[in-house]
Amino acid sequence: MTTEPRTPMLLDPGMDLTLRPMRYPHFFDRFRDAIKNTWTVEEVDLHSDLADLARLSPAERHLVSRLVAFFATGDTIVANNLVLNLYQHVNSPEGRLYLSRQLFEEAVHVQFYLNLLDTYVPDDEERFAAFAAIENIPSIRRKAEFCFRWIDSVFALRELRTREDRRAFLLNLICFAACIEGLFFYGAFAYVYFLRSRGLLNGLASGTNWVFRDESMHMAFAFDVVETVRREEPDLFDDDLAEQVRQMLAEAVECEVQFAEDLLDGGVSGLSLPDMREYLQHVADRRLAQLDIAPLYGSSNPFAFMELQDVQELSNFFERRVSAYQVGVTGTVTFDDDF
């Protein structure tokens, strides 16, 4: 009696190199879409922001200072987790193509934020302090420690042999997609778009639009991986996993609220801590919904300027795509699902 060979699954150990027949063509589609979204740091004019920086209030300058300090290291942490944990366990050549592209995009973001600090912070000592933010700014250190704990949670796993190993990997993947790229970064984007709504720092907002598009695609790919694993191994997804994800997001919200307390400590006119907390809770619930997990908060979006973000970017994107992108994006572009 012979038995049919077991169909390989996405998290099986190994290094599948076979692109034909393609087992996960939707991952290859993600890769191709990312290529269409190419942009370069040199296309972002940050020098137009210098006059705005000079007229910010002390509280607004503190907000911007903390914000760029977070940006200085945030994408580097994501890139480290991608290399150390994600690439070796997503056993699909199509998926690894996308992760290779994502690593390139993280490098572009790091370069963008390097230019941002060089432009915004002319003093060498202040700039060095910004790059060392995870060591000397408690609110940023707490977020970094959260990230490092989840990197370390699967760092020793060379192969995902057991059910427990695979669940640990899923939690790491969900953490970086939903909590770090999907909450920490989106909280930071809200501050940028708040300033833009007041006519300030349009150069930063322009670059952030492009980073925002990349981060949206990173999340979409990660959630594709989660859904693929859910189809292949539904037993991994139970009430216990859902509760772990909910607790993870609740902790991420509290990390980000502490960051908001720091940024808004001087009292920024038009931006309150209660509204920022509500916005973060709203985003956390959106991430849970994307994972088909019950919401935690039931909070709404208090920021009209964030509701307008997708409309503004859509209306401007196709007007500037030839000069702003190496390759124009075609097809439908949506933003509202991510806020």
Protein backbone atom coordinates (compact mmCIF):
# COMPACT_ATOMS: atom_id res chain seq x y z
CA MET A 1 0.00 0.00 0.00
CA THR A 2 1.38 3.39 -0.96
CA THR A 3 0.46 6.72 0.51
CA GLU A 4 0.27 10.04 -1.26
CA PRO A 5 3.24 12.28 -0.46
CA ARG A 6 2.37 15.05 1.99
CA THR A 7 1.80 18.43 0.34
CA PRO A 8 4.50 20.87 1.50
CA MET A 9 3.31 23.75 3.66
CA LEU A 10 4.56 27.31 3.94
CA LEU A 11 6.23 26.92 7.34
CA ASP A 12 7.85 23.56 6.62
CA PRO A 13 11.62 23.64 7.28
CA GLY A 14 13.84 23.86 4.24
CA MET A 15 14.76 26.11 1.35
CA ASP A 16 12.34 25.52 -1.51
CA LEU A 17 13.84 26.95 -4.72
CA THR A 18 11.16 25.91 -7.21
CA LEU A 19 9.37 28.84 -8.85
CA ARG A 20 7.56 26.66 -11.40
CA PRO A 21 4.97 25.48 -10.75
CA MET A 22 4.37 28.45 -8.48
CA ARG A 23 2.70 27.39 -5.21
CA TYR A 24 2.02 30.91 -3.89
CA PRO A 25 1.47 33.20 -6.90
CA HIS A 26 -0.16 35.87 -4.70
CA PHE A 27 3.22 36.41 -3.01
CA PHE A 28 4.79 36.95 -6.43
CA ASP A 29 2.05 39.47 -7.21
CA ARG A 30 2.98 41.35 -4.02
CA PHE A 31 6.61 41.41 -5.19
CA ARG A 32 5.65 42.81 -8.60
CA ASP A 33 3.42 45.47 -7.01
CA ALA A 34 6.27 46.53 -4.75
CA ILE A 35 8.60 46.96 -7.72
CA LYS A 36 6.06 49.36 -9.25
CA ASN A 37 6.20 51.41 -6.06
CA THR A 38 9.90 52.33 -6.36
CA TRP A 39 11.01 55.74 -5.11
CA THR A 40 14.29 57.29 -4.06
CA VAL A 41 15.24 59.51 -1.14
CA GLU A 42 16.70 62.14 -3.46
CA GLU A 43 13.19 62.90 -4.72
CA VAL A 44 12.08 64.18 -1.29
CA ASP A 45 12.77 67.90 -0.73
CA LEU A 46 13.21 68.29 3.04
CA HIS A 47 14.91 71.67 2.77
CA SER A 48 11.54 73.27 2.15
CA ASP A 49 10.75 72.45 5.81
CA LEU A 50 13.55 74.58 7.30
CA ALA A 51 11.49 77.78 7.46
CA ASP A 52 8.69 75.86 9.21
CA LEU A 53 11.09 74.42 11.78
CA ALA A 54 12.23 77.94 12.69
CA ARG A 55 8.70 79.05 13.55
CA LEU A 56 7.54 76.03 15.55
CA SER A 57 6.58 76.56 19.18
CA PRO A 58 8.81 74.92 21.85
CA ALA A 59 6.18 72.19 22.34
CA GLU A 60 6.04 71.50 18.61
CA ARG A 61 9.84 71.41 18.37
CA HIS A 62 9.89 68.84 21.18
CA LEU A 63 7.32 66.75 19.31
CA VAL A 64 9.36 66.85 16.10
CA SER A 65 12.59 66.10 17.96
CA ARG A 66 11.13 62.98 19.59
CA LEU A 67 9.51 61.92 16.35
CA VAL A 68 12.70 62.00 14.31
CA ALA A 69 14.53 60.21 17.14
CA PHE A 70 12.08 57.33 16.84
CA PHE A 71 12.36 57.31 13.05
CA ALA A 72 16.15 57.09 13.36
CA THR A 73 16.03 53.47 14.56
CA GLY A 74 12.50 52.14 13.92
CA ASP A 75 13.01 50.72 10.43
CA THR A 76 16.41 49.26 11.33
CA ILE A 77 14.73 47.15 14.01
CA VAL A 78 12.16 45.90 11.49
CA ALA A 79 14.91 45.04 9.00
CA ASN A 80 16.80 43.08 11.65
CA ASN A 81 13.76 40.94 12.43
CA LEU A 82 13.17 40.35 8.73
CA VAL A 83 16.71 39.03 8.27
CA LEU A 84 17.02 37.16 11.56
CA ASN A 85 13.57 35.57 11.78
CA LEU A 86 11.25 35.95 8.80
CA TYR A 87 13.36 35.08 5.77
CA GLN A 88 14.49 31.66 6.97
CA HIS A 89 11.01 30.43 7.94
CA VAL A 90 8.79 31.58 5.04
CA ASN A 91 9.58 28.58 2.85
CA SER A 92 8.46 29.93 -0.50
CA PRO A 93 10.74 31.34 -3.19
CA GLU A 94 7.96 33.76 -4.16
CA GLY A 95 7.63 34.89 -0.53
CA ARG A 96 11.38 35.31 -0.18
CA LEU A 97 11.41 37.45 -3.31
CA TYR A 98 8.98 39.80 -1.60
CA LEU A 99 10.96 39.79 1.66
CA SER A 100 14.10 40.67 -0.31
CA ARG A 101 12.26 43.62 -1.79
CA GLN A 102 10.97 44.62 1.63
CA LEU A 103 14.52 44.63 2.97
CA PHE A 104 15.48 47.04 0.19
CA GLU A 105 12.55 49.29 1.11
CA GLU A 106 13.57 49.27 4.78
CA ALA A 107 17.03 50.41 3.68
CA VAL A 108 15.47 53.26 1.68
CA HIS A 109 13.46 54.28 4.76
CA VAL A 110 16.61 54.26 6.89
CA GLN A 111 18.31 56.50 4.31
CA PHE A 112 15.28 58.81 4.28
CA TYR A 113 15.39 59.19 8.06
CA LEU A 114 19.16 59.69 7.96
CA ASN A 115 18.58 62.60 5.56
CA LEU A 116 15.77 63.80 7.79
CA LEU A 117 18.05 64.05 10.82
CA ASP A 118 20.90 65.58 8.85
CA THR A 119 18.50 68.27 7.58
CA TYR A 120 16.46 68.89 10.73
CA VAL A 121 19.23 68.58 13.34
CA PRO A 122 22.37 70.46 12.25
CA ASP A 123 24.11 70.09 15.63
CA ASP A 124 26.32 66.96 15.68
CA GLU A 125 25.78 66.18 19.36
CA GLU A 126 22.00 66.45 19.07
CA ARG A 127 22.08 64.23 16.01
CA PHE A 128 24.20 61.59 17.75
CA ALA A 129 21.76 61.66 20.69
CA ALA A 130 18.85 61.09 18.31
CA PHE A 131 20.50 58.00 16.87
CA ALA A 132 21.03 56.73 20.43
CA ALA A 133 17.38 57.35 21.35
CA ILE A 134 16.73 53.78 22.51
CA GLU A 135 19.42 54.27 25.14
CA ASN A 136 18.55 57.73 26.45
CA ILE A 137 14.84 58.41 25.81
CA PRO A 138 12.64 56.21 28.06
CA SER A 139 9.51 56.31 25.88
CA ILE A 140 11.50 55.15 22.84
CA ARG A 141 13.48 52.64 24.89
CA ARG A 142 10.23 51.01 26.02
CA LYS A 143 9.11 50.55 22.42
CA ALA A 144 12.52 49.15 21.46
CA GLU A 145 12.47 46.69 24.36
CA PHE A 146 9.04 45.50 23.22
CA CYS A 147 10.47 44.90 19.73
CA PHE A 148 13.62 43.17 20.97
CA ARG A 149 11.62 40.84 23.22
CA TRP A 150 9.63 39.60 20.23
CA ILE A 151 12.77 39.29 18.06
CA ASP A 152 14.35 37.17 20.77
CA SER A 153 11.19 35.04 21.15
CA VAL A 154 12.04 33.05 17.99
CA PHE A 155 15.69 33.92 17.40
CA ALA A 156 16.91 30.50 18.60
CA LEU A 157 14.50 28.61 16.31
CA ARG A 158 16.36 27.29 13.29
CA GLU A 159 13.40 25.20 12.12
CA LEU A 160 9.67 25.24 12.86
CA ARG A 161 9.22 21.56 13.66
CA THR A 162 6.50 21.66 16.30
CA ARG A 163 3.09 23.26 16.67
CA GLU A 164 4.54 25.47 19.43
CA ASP A 165 7.38 26.60 17.17
CA ARG A 166 4.98 27.60 14.42
CA ARG A 167 2.70 29.48 16.78
CA ALA A 168 5.73 31.34 18.17
CA PHE A 169 6.70 32.33 14.63
CA LEU A 170 3.17 33.50 13.86
CA LEU A 171 3.18 35.70 16.96
CA ASN A 172 6.48 37.26 15.91
CA LEU A 173 5.16 37.89 12.39
CA ILE A 174 1.91 39.38 13.70
CA CYS A 175 3.78 41.54 16.20
CA PHE A 176 5.96 43.19 13.57
CA ALA A 177 3.12 43.60 11.07
CA ALA A 178 0.31 44.69 13.39
CA CYS A 179 2.09 46.29 16.35
CA ILE A 180 5.29 47.78 14.99
CA GLU A 181 4.68 48.58 11.33
CA GLY A 182 0.92 48.76 11.82
CA LEU A 183 0.70 50.72 15.09
CA PHE A 184 4.03 52.31 16.12
CA PHE A 185 4.67 53.66 12.62
CA TYR A 186 1.07 54.67 12.05
CA GLY A 187 1.03 56.57 15.31
CA ALA A 188 4.13 58.41 14.09
CA PHE A 189 2.47 59.11 10.74
CA ALA A 190 -0.46 60.72 12.57
CA TYR A 191 1.85 63.35 14.08
CA VAL A 192 3.30 64.08 10.63
CA TYR A 193 -0.14 64.51 9.07
CA PHE A 194 -1.33 66.63 12.00
CA LEU A 195 1.53 69.03 11.29
CA ARG A 196 0.75 68.97 7.58
CA SER A 197 -2.90 69.79 8.34
CA ARG A 198 -1.56 73.02 9.85
CA GLY A 199 0.52 73.76 6.76
CA LEU A 200 3.80 72.63 8.37
CA LEU A 201 6.62 70.34 7.19
CA ASN A 202 5.20 69.42 3.81
CA GLY A 203 8.52 67.88 2.78
CA LEU A 204 8.36 65.42 5.66
CA ALA A 205 4.73 64.65 4.80
CA SER A 206 5.63 64.02 1.16
CA GLY A 207 8.30 61.47 2.09
CA THR A 208 5.99 59.96 4.69
CA ASN A 209 3.35 59.38 1.99
CA TRP A 210 5.78 57.06 0.21
CA VAL A 211 6.91 55.32 3.41
CA PHE A 212 3.22 54.90 4.25
CA ARG A 213 2.56 53.13 0.95
CA ASP A 214 5.48 50.77 1.58
CA GLU A 215 4.38 49.99 5.14
CA SER A 216 0.84 49.26 3.95
CA MET A 217 2.24 46.72 1.49
CA HIS A 218 4.48 45.17 4.16
CA MET A 219 1.46 44.61 6.37
CA ALA A 220 -0.58 43.23 3.48
CA PHE A 221 2.12 40.67 2.69
CA ALA A 222 2.48 39.63 6.35
CA PHE A 223 -1.28 39.19 6.69
CA ASP A 224 -1.24 37.15 3.44
CA VAL A 225 1.30 34.85 5.09
CA VAL A 226 -0.90 34.56 8.18
CA GLU A 227 -3.97 33.71 6.08
CA THR A 228 -2.01 31.17 4.03
CA VAL A 229 -0.86 29.42 7.19
CA ARG A 230 -4.44 29.57 8.54
CA ARG A 231 -5.66 27.69 5.45
CA GLU A 232 -2.86 25.12 5.62
CA GLU A 233 -2.76 24.61 9.39
CA PRO A 234 -6.04 25.80 10.89
CA ASP A 235 -5.32 24.04 14.18
CA LEU A 236 -2.69 26.70 14.94
CA PHE A 237 -5.42 29.33 15.23
CA ASP A 238 -7.46 29.00 18.39
CA ASP A 239 -8.84 31.16 21.18
CA ASP A 240 -5.51 31.04 23.00
CA LEU A 241 -3.60 32.47 20.03
CA ALA A 242 -6.25 35.15 19.55
CA GLU A 243 -5.97 36.17 23.21
CA GLN A 244 -2.17 36.33 22.96
CA VAL A 245 -2.50 38.66 19.96
CA ARG A 246 -5.01 40.84 21.82
CA GLN A 247 -2.67 41.11 24.82
CA MET A 248 0.25 41.90 22.50
CA LEU A 249 -1.66 44.74 20.84
CA ALA A 250 -2.87 46.07 24.20
CA GLU A 251 0.76 46.28 25.36
CA ALA A 252 1.77 47.95 22.09
CA VAL A 253 -0.96 50.57 22.57
CA GLU A 254 0.32 51.33 26.07
CA CYS A 255 3.89 51.66 24.75
CA GLU A 256 2.66 54.09 22.13
CA VAL A 257 0.54 56.04 24.63
CA GLN A 258 3.67 56.54 26.77
CA PHE A 259 5.41 57.85 23.66
CA ALA A 260 2.45 60.19 23.06
CA GLU A 261 2.70 61.46 26.64
CA ASP A 262 6.33 62.30 25.95
CA LEU A 263 5.68 63.98 22.59
CA LEU A 264 2.74 66.03 23.86
CA ASP A 265 4.24 66.86 27.25
CA GLY A 266 4.54 70.56 26.44
CA GLY A 267 0.94 70.87 25.28
CA VAL A 268 0.56 70.96 21.51
CA SER A 269 -2.39 73.06 20.43
CA GLY A 270 -4.95 71.01 18.52
CA LEU A 271 -3.58 67.59 19.48
CA SER A 272 -4.62 66.08 22.82
CA LEU A 273 -3.43 62.96 24.59
CA PRO A 274 -7.00 61.54 24.96
CA ASP A 275 -7.53 61.89 21.20
CA MET A 276 -4.20 60.25 20.47
CA ARG A 277 -5.05 57.35 22.77
CA GLU A 278 -8.41 56.93 21.04
CA TYR A 279 -6.74 56.97 17.63
CA LEU A 280 -4.22 54.31 18.69
CA GLN A 281 -7.00 52.13 20.06
CA HIS A 282 -8.91 52.59 16.79
CA VAL A 283 -5.86 51.47 14.78
CA ALA A 284 -5.34 48.48 17.10
CA ASP A 285 -8.94 47.39 16.52
CA ARG A 286 -8.39 47.70 12.75
CA ARG A 287 -5.39 45.40 12.99
CA LEU A 288 -7.40 42.86 14.99
CA ALA A 289 -10.17 43.00 12.39
CA GLN A 290 -7.63 42.28 9.65
CA LEU A 291 -6.67 39.16 11.61
CA ASP A 292 -10.31 38.17 12.13
CA ILE A 293 -9.98 38.70 15.89
CA ALA A 294 -12.56 40.48 18.04
CA PRO A 295 -11.79 44.16 18.80
CA LEU A 296 -10.49 45.36 22.14
CA TYR A 297 -11.66 48.94 22.37
CA GLY A 298 -14.47 49.92 20.03
CA SER A 299 -12.81 53.32 19.56
CA SER A 300 -13.45 55.59 16.60
CA ASN A 301 -10.99 57.72 14.65
CA PRO A 302 -10.98 61.21 16.24
CA PHE A 303 -8.72 62.77 13.60
CA ALA A 304 -10.42 64.27 10.57
CA PHE A 305 -7.00 64.93 9.03
CA MET A 306 -6.35 61.19 8.98
CA GLU A 307 -9.69 60.51 7.29
CA LEU A 308 -8.62 63.00 4.59
CA GLN A 309 -5.18 61.46 4.14
CA ASP A 310 -6.28 58.76 1.71
CA VAL A 311 -8.29 61.25 -0.36
CA GLN A 312 -5.43 63.75 -0.59
CA GLU A 313 -2.85 61.14 -1.50
CA LEU A 314 -5.07 59.54 -4.13
CA SER A 315 -5.81 62.86 -5.78
CA ASN A 316 -2.14 63.86 -5.90
CA PHE A 317 -0.55 60.50 -6.62
CA PHE A 318 -1.40 60.08 -10.28
CA GLU A 319 -0.60 63.73 -11.01
CA ARG A 320 3.00 63.31 -9.85
CA ARG A 321 3.70 59.65 -10.48
CA VAL A 322 6.02 60.20 -13.46
CA SER A 323 8.40 62.47 -11.56
CA ALA A 324 7.84 61.02 -8.09
CA TYR A 325 8.25 57.30 -8.87
CA GLN A 326 10.69 55.35 -10.93
CA VAL A 327 7.78 53.25 -12.22
CA GLY A 328 4.21 54.56 -12.17
CA VAL A 329 1.71 52.46 -10.24
CA THR A 330 -1.33 51.36 -12.18
CA GLY A 331 -4.59 49.92 -10.96
CA THR A 332 -6.61 50.65 -7.84
CA VAL A 333 -4.86 52.30 -4.90
CA THR A 334 -6.62 52.37 -1.53
CA PHE A 335 -5.55 53.84 1.79
CA ASP A 336 -8.52 53.80 4.11
CA ASP A 337 -8.21 50.13 5.11
CA ASP A 338 -4.99 50.82 6.99
CA PHE A 339 -6.03 53.74 9.15
